[in-house]
Amino acid sequence: MTTFMLIKAEEYMLPCLNKKLFGVECLGCGIQRSVALIFQGEFMAAFKMYPAIYTLILLFIYLGFNNFYKIRYANKILVFLLVLNFAIIVGNYILKLTNQY
């Protein structure tokens, strides 16, 4: 049943223009399918699809929380989360390009 739900969800996902035009995946390829997998409870499959998904969720939760509450060292935490996400996304992209993933 979860496979059917994923196939149904993929019908409504946006295509990657970079992949369609140039034949190469972009830095965000896989994030939509990863979110769909999380909603279906496939947490490990979501991580395999897009490894930065959980740190991105953490970043968005932090940004939302930071809007309502004063957090000490908020800028340092934000910079750390941004650098962490950037490193994971770029590292994963390089691994995909070199086909070692």
C-alpha atoms as a PDB file:
ATOM      1  CA  MET A   1       0.000   0.000   0.000  1.00  0.00           C
ATOM      2  CA  THR A   2       2.827   2.454   0.741  1.00  0.00           C
ATOM      3  CA  THR A   3       4.259   1.858  -2.732  1.00  0.00           C
ATOM      4  CA  PHE A   4       0.886   2.775  -4.224  1.00  0.00           C
ATOM      5  CA  MET A   5       0.753   5.966  -2.139  1.00  0.00           C
ATOM      6  CA  LEU A   6       4.259   6.971  -3.235  1.00  0.00           C
ATOM      7  CA  ILE A   7       3.418   6.361  -6.889  1.00  0.00           C
ATOM      8  CA  LYS A   8       0.254   8.436  -6.467  1.00  0.00           C
ATOM      9  CA  ALA A   9       2.215  11.250  -4.769  1.00  0.00           C
ATOM     10  CA  GLU A  10       4.870  11.246  -7.501  1.00  0.00           C
ATOM     11  CA  GLU A  11       2.206  12.127 -10.076  1.00  0.00           C
ATOM     12  CA  TYR A  12       1.908  15.582  -8.460  1.00  0.00           C
ATOM     13  CA  MET A  13       5.593  16.321  -7.855  1.00  0.00           C
ATOM     14  CA  LEU A  14       7.445  19.011  -9.753  1.00  0.00           C
ATOM     15  CA  PRO A  15      10.044  17.758 -12.231  1.00  0.00           C
ATOM     16  CA  CYS A  16      13.670  18.816 -11.916  1.00  0.00           C
ATOM     17  CA  LEU A  17      14.316  21.237 -14.778  1.00  0.00           C
ATOM     18  CA  ASN A  18      18.076  20.862 -14.398  1.00  0.00           C
ATOM     19  CA  LYS A  19      17.789  17.112 -14.896  1.00  0.00           C
ATOM     20  CA  LYS A  20      15.375  17.496 -17.822  1.00  0.00           C
ATOM     21  CA  LEU A  21      17.440  20.144 -19.626  1.00  0.00           C
ATOM     22  CA  PHE A  22      21.005  19.044 -18.857  1.00  0.00           C
ATOM     23  CA  GLY A  23      20.649  15.425 -17.740  1.00  0.00           C
ATOM     24  CA  VAL A  24      22.362  16.120 -14.405  1.00  0.00           C
ATOM     25  CA  GLU A  25      20.665  16.138 -11.023  1.00  0.00           C
ATOM     26  CA  CYS A  26      20.583  19.367  -9.025  1.00  0.00           C
ATOM     27  CA  LEU A  27      21.387  19.875  -5.343  1.00  0.00           C
ATOM     28  CA  GLY A  28      17.715  19.498  -4.421  1.00  0.00           C
ATOM     29  CA  CYS A  29      16.911  16.362  -6.398  1.00  0.00           C
ATOM     30  CA  GLY A  30      15.153  13.881  -4.172  1.00  0.00           C
ATOM     31  CA  ILE A  31      13.827  16.254  -1.520  1.00  0.00           C
ATOM     32  CA  GLN A  32      10.177  16.006  -2.639  1.00  0.00           C
ATOM     33  CA  ARG A  33      10.248  12.214  -2.663  1.00  0.00           C
ATOM     34  CA  SER A  34      12.046  12.244   0.675  1.00  0.00           C
ATOM     35  CA  VAL A  35       9.304  14.360   2.268  1.00  0.00           C
ATOM     36  CA  ALA A  36       6.671  12.034   0.786  1.00  0.00           C
ATOM     37  CA  LEU A  37       8.507   9.054   2.300  1.00  0.00           C
ATOM     38  CA  ILE A  38       8.569  10.722   5.724  1.00  0.00           C
ATOM     39  CA  PHE A  39       4.809  11.234   5.599  1.00  0.00           C
ATOM     40  CA  GLN A  40       4.448   7.543   4.801  1.00  0.00           C
ATOM     41  CA  GLY A  41       6.633   6.566   7.756  1.00  0.00           C
ATOM     42  CA  GLU A  42       9.560   5.355   5.643  1.00  0.00           C
ATOM     43  CA  PHE A  43      12.216   7.226   7.613  1.00  0.00           C
ATOM     44  CA  MET A  44      15.277   5.264   6.507  1.00  0.00           C
ATOM     45  CA  ALA A  45      14.200   5.372   2.857  1.00  0.00           C
ATOM     46  CA  ALA A  46      13.740   9.144   3.204  1.00  0.00           C
ATOM     47  CA  PHE A  47      17.297   9.473   4.503  1.00  0.00           C
ATOM     48  CA  LYS A  48      18.660   7.358   1.656  1.00  0.00           C
ATOM     49  CA  MET A  49      16.736   9.450  -0.864  1.00  0.00           C
ATOM     50  CA  TYR A  50      17.986  12.797   0.491  1.00  0.00           C
ATOM     51  CA  PRO A  51      20.424  12.631   3.437  1.00  0.00           C
ATOM     52  CA  ALA A  52      19.993  16.276   4.444  1.00  0.00           C
ATOM     53  CA  ILE A  53      16.252  15.924   5.057  1.00  0.00           C
ATOM     54  CA  TYR A  54      16.470  15.591   8.837  1.00  0.00           C
ATOM     55  CA  THR A  55      18.941  18.433   9.321  1.00  0.00           C
ATOM     56  CA  LEU A  56      16.756  20.612   7.096  1.00  0.00           C
ATOM     57  CA  ILE A  57      13.720  19.757   9.227  1.00  0.00           C
ATOM     58  CA  LEU A  58      15.771  20.647  12.316  1.00  0.00           C
ATOM     59  CA  LEU A  59      16.760  23.954  10.702  1.00  0.00           C
ATOM     60  CA  PHE A  60      13.144  24.867   9.876  1.00  0.00           C
ATOM     61  CA  ILE A  61      11.967  23.917  13.375  1.00  0.00           C
ATOM     62  CA  TYR A  62      14.725  26.076  14.840  1.00  0.00           C
ATOM     63  CA  LEU A  63      13.813  29.021  12.594  1.00  0.00           C
ATOM     64  CA  GLY A  64      10.162  28.765  13.614  1.00  0.00           C
ATOM     65  CA  PHE A  65      11.001  28.403  17.289  1.00  0.00           C
ATOM     66  CA  ASN A  66      13.463  31.307  17.114  1.00  0.00           C
ATOM     67  CA  ASN A  67      10.710  33.632  15.867  1.00  0.00           C
ATOM     68  CA  PHE A  68       8.710  33.195  19.085  1.00  0.00           C
ATOM     69  CA  TYR A  69      11.363  32.771  21.771  1.00  0.00           C
ATOM     70  CA  LYS A  70      14.593  34.569  22.498  1.00  0.00           C
ATOM     71  CA  ILE A  71      17.443  32.054  22.258  1.00  0.00           C
ATOM     72  CA  ARG A  72      20.913  32.707  23.565  1.00  0.00           C
ATOM     73  CA  TYR A  73      23.576  32.386  20.846  1.00  0.00           C
ATOM     74  CA  ALA A  74      20.852  32.229  18.198  1.00  0.00           C
ATOM     75  CA  ASN A  75      23.121  33.485  15.423  1.00  0.00           C
ATOM     76  CA  LYS A  76      25.838  30.935  16.180  1.00  0.00           C
ATOM     77  CA  ILE A  77      23.310  28.093  16.223  1.00  0.00           C
ATOM     78  CA  LEU A  78      21.823  29.302  12.954  1.00  0.00           C
ATOM     79  CA  VAL A  79      25.223  29.540  11.267  1.00  0.00           C
ATOM     80  CA  PHE A  80      26.116  26.048  12.515  1.00  0.00           C
ATOM     81  CA  LEU A  81      22.877  24.567  11.146  1.00  0.00           C
ATOM     82  CA  LEU A  82      23.306  26.348   7.814  1.00  0.00           C
ATOM     83  CA  VAL A  83      26.907  25.176   7.409  1.00  0.00           C
ATOM     84  CA  LEU A  84      25.947  21.634   8.428  1.00  0.00           C
ATOM     85  CA  ASN A  85      23.136  21.517   5.861  1.00  0.00           C
ATOM     86  CA  PHE A  86      25.330  23.019   3.166  1.00  0.00           C
ATOM     87  CA  ALA A  87      28.064  20.456   3.827  1.00  0.00           C
ATOM     88  CA  ILE A  88      25.642  17.514   3.743  1.00  0.00           C
ATOM     89  CA  ILE A  89      23.897  18.711   0.580  1.00  0.00           C
ATOM     90  CA  VAL A  90      27.109  19.449  -1.320  1.00  0.00           C
ATOM     91  CA  GLY A  91      28.798  16.268  -0.068  1.00  0.00           C
ATOM     92  CA  ASN A  92      25.845  14.157  -1.167  1.00  0.00           C
ATOM     93  CA  TYR A  93      25.782  15.919  -4.543  1.00  0.00           C
ATOM     94  CA  ILE A  94      29.470  15.227  -5.127  1.00  0.00           C
ATOM     95  CA  LEU A  95      28.962  11.570  -4.212  1.00  0.00           C
ATOM     96  CA  LYS A  96      26.054  11.338  -6.664  1.00  0.00           C
ATOM     97  CA  LEU A  97      28.114  12.924  -9.450  1.00  0.00           C
ATOM     98  CA  THR A  98      31.029  10.566  -8.930  1.00  0.00           C
ATOM     99  CA  ASN A  99      28.639   7.556  -8.800  1.00  0.00           C
ATOM    100  CA  GLN A 100      30.163   6.351  -5.554  1.00  0.00           C
ATOM    101  CA  TYR A 101      26.913   6.715  -3.657  1.00  0.00           C
END
